[in-house]
Protein backbone atom coordinates (compact mmCIF):
# COMPACT_ATOMS: atom_id res chain seq x y z
CA MET A 1 -12.40 -16.00 3.34
CA SER A 2 -8.73 -15.19 2.62
CA SER A 3 -6.46 -12.57 3.25
CA VAL A 4 -5.43 -9.71 0.46
CA CYS A 5 -2.22 -8.64 0.01
CA VAL A 6 -1.75 -4.98 -1.35
CA ILE A 7 1.60 -4.57 -2.47
CA ASN A 8 2.58 -0.98 -3.99
CA ALA A 9 5.67 -0.60 -5.96
CA ILE A 10 6.71 2.92 -5.50
CA GLU A 11 9.64 4.97 -7.43
CA VAL A 12 11.00 7.65 -5.36
CA PRO A 13 13.25 10.20 -6.71
CA SER A 14 16.13 10.85 -4.14
CA HIS A 15 14.71 14.30 -3.11
CA MET A 16 11.58 12.99 -2.52
CA VAL A 17 12.03 10.13 0.35
CA GLN A 18 11.12 11.84 3.83
CA VAL A 19 8.05 13.12 1.76
CA ALA A 20 6.86 9.42 0.45
CA LEU A 21 8.21 8.28 3.96
CA ASP A 22 5.74 10.92 5.34
CA VAL A 23 3.09 9.85 3.15
CA ARG A 24 3.38 6.52 3.84
CA ASP A 25 3.10 7.04 7.64
CA GLN A 26 0.31 8.57 7.24
CA TYR A 27 -1.62 5.94 5.34
CA ILE A 28 -0.24 3.06 8.00
CA ALA A 29 -2.04 5.43 10.95
CA TYR A 30 -5.21 5.79 8.50
CA PHE A 31 -5.67 1.82 8.06
CA LYS A 32 -4.83 1.17 11.64
CA THR A 33 -8.00 2.60 12.22
CA LYS A 34 -10.12 0.43 10.30
CA ALA A 35 -11.65 -3.25 10.64
CA GLY A 36 -9.59 -5.63 8.89
CA PHE A 37 -6.58 -4.14 8.67
CA VAL A 38 -4.00 -6.48 9.70
CA SER A 39 -0.33 -5.60 8.62
CA SER A 40 2.26 -3.22 6.65
CA THR A 41 5.47 -3.96 5.94
CA PHE A 42 7.90 -1.47 4.24
CA TYR A 43 10.79 -2.53 1.99
CA ARG A 44 13.20 -0.49 0.66
CA ALA A 45 15.79 -1.82 -2.10
CA ILE A 46 19.32 -2.42 -1.46
CA ASP A 47 20.60 -2.21 -5.11
CA ASP A 48 21.16 1.28 -6.79
CA GLY A 49 19.93 -0.47 -9.86
CA SER A 50 16.49 -1.63 -8.44
CA ALA A 51 13.36 0.03 -10.36
CA TYR A 52 11.24 0.30 -7.43
CA THR A 53 12.93 2.03 -4.73
CA TYR A 54 10.23 1.04 -2.12
CA ILE A 55 8.11 -1.80 -1.98
CA ASN A 56 4.59 -1.69 0.85
CA VAL A 57 2.66 -4.34 1.62
CA VAL A 58 -0.31 -4.15 3.27
CA VAL A 59 -2.41 -7.31 4.54
CA TRP A 60 -5.93 -7.13 5.02
CA ALA A 61 -7.90 -9.56 6.51
CA SER A 62 -10.46 -10.15 3.47
CA GLN A 63 -11.36 -8.78 0.11
CA ALA A 64 -14.49 -7.11 2.00
CA HIS A 65 -12.43 -5.16 4.22
CA PHE A 66 -9.89 -3.95 1.67
CA GLU A 67 -13.10 -2.68 -0.19
CA ALA A 68 -14.84 -0.90 2.56
CA VAL A 69 -11.87 1.19 3.56
CA VAL A 70 -11.06 1.91 -0.38
CA ASN A 71 -15.04 2.11 -1.18
CA GLN A 72 -15.54 5.32 -3.68
CA GLY A 73 -11.87 5.21 -4.33
CA PHE A 74 -12.35 3.20 -7.10
CA SER A 75 -14.53 5.05 -8.76
CA ASP A 76 -13.75 8.47 -8.04
CA ALA A 77 -11.16 10.57 -10.00
CA GLU A 78 -8.97 11.46 -7.13
CA GLY A 79 -8.90 8.13 -5.48
CA GLU A 80 -10.78 9.27 -2.59
CA ASN A 81 -12.68 7.14 -0.23
CA GLU A 82 -15.51 8.13 1.72
CA ASP A 83 -13.31 9.76 4.56
CA GLY A 84 -11.71 12.46 2.15
CA MET A 85 -8.66 9.90 2.12
CA LYS A 86 -6.59 9.59 -1.63
CA VAL A 87 -6.61 5.78 -1.55
CA LEU A 88 -5.39 3.54 -4.30
CA GLY A 89 -1.87 4.74 -4.09
CA ARG A 90 -3.15 8.32 -5.42
CA GLY A 91 -1.86 10.37 -2.08
CA PHE A 92 1.61 10.23 -3.17
CA PRO A 93 3.19 13.55 -4.88
CA ALA A 94 4.33 13.74 -8.21
CA PRO A 95 6.73 12.60 -9.24
CA ILE A 96 6.41 9.83 -6.95
CA VAL A 97 4.51 6.77 -9.02
CA VAL A 98 3.09 4.06 -7.16
CA HIS A 99 2.48 0.97 -9.21
CA PRO A 100 -0.58 -0.60 -6.93
CA GLY A 101 -1.54 -4.61 -7.22
CA ARG A 102 -3.69 -6.82 -4.63
CA TYR A 103 -3.01 -10.02 -4.28
CA GLU A 104 -4.27 -13.37 -2.53
CA ILE A 105 -1.69 -16.04 -0.79
CA ILE A 106 -1.86 -19.10 -2.93
CA ARG A 107 0.82 -20.68 -0.74
CA SER A 108 3.19 -19.89 1.97
CA ASP A 109 6.06 -21.92 2.78
CA VAL A 110 8.11 -21.38 5.90
CA ALA A 111 12.07 -22.99 6.89
CA THR A 112 11.94 -26.10 8.31
CA SER A 113 14.50 -27.12 10.91
């Protein structure tokens, strides 16, 4: 069973930065209460011309763990899971735009000394 990385590229207008940060923090606090949550890393673009302002990477222990948290969010029009949490990036208000994707690690390299 391999881990699953959920990578969300997020477009955030400058006047919505605090809202985006607050929503992301709410998601992570929720995910931390769920079995299979491994980690989350949040990135901010350092180039003004970047297509996506932020990248959020959430790692789940397995696809099954991810699906258990998202569950009915796949089929619910609002993306709500059984806990009433809007998942799959749908909890961010407009005009914030989330581009979600799920990935599995196929190679990982580290520097050697």
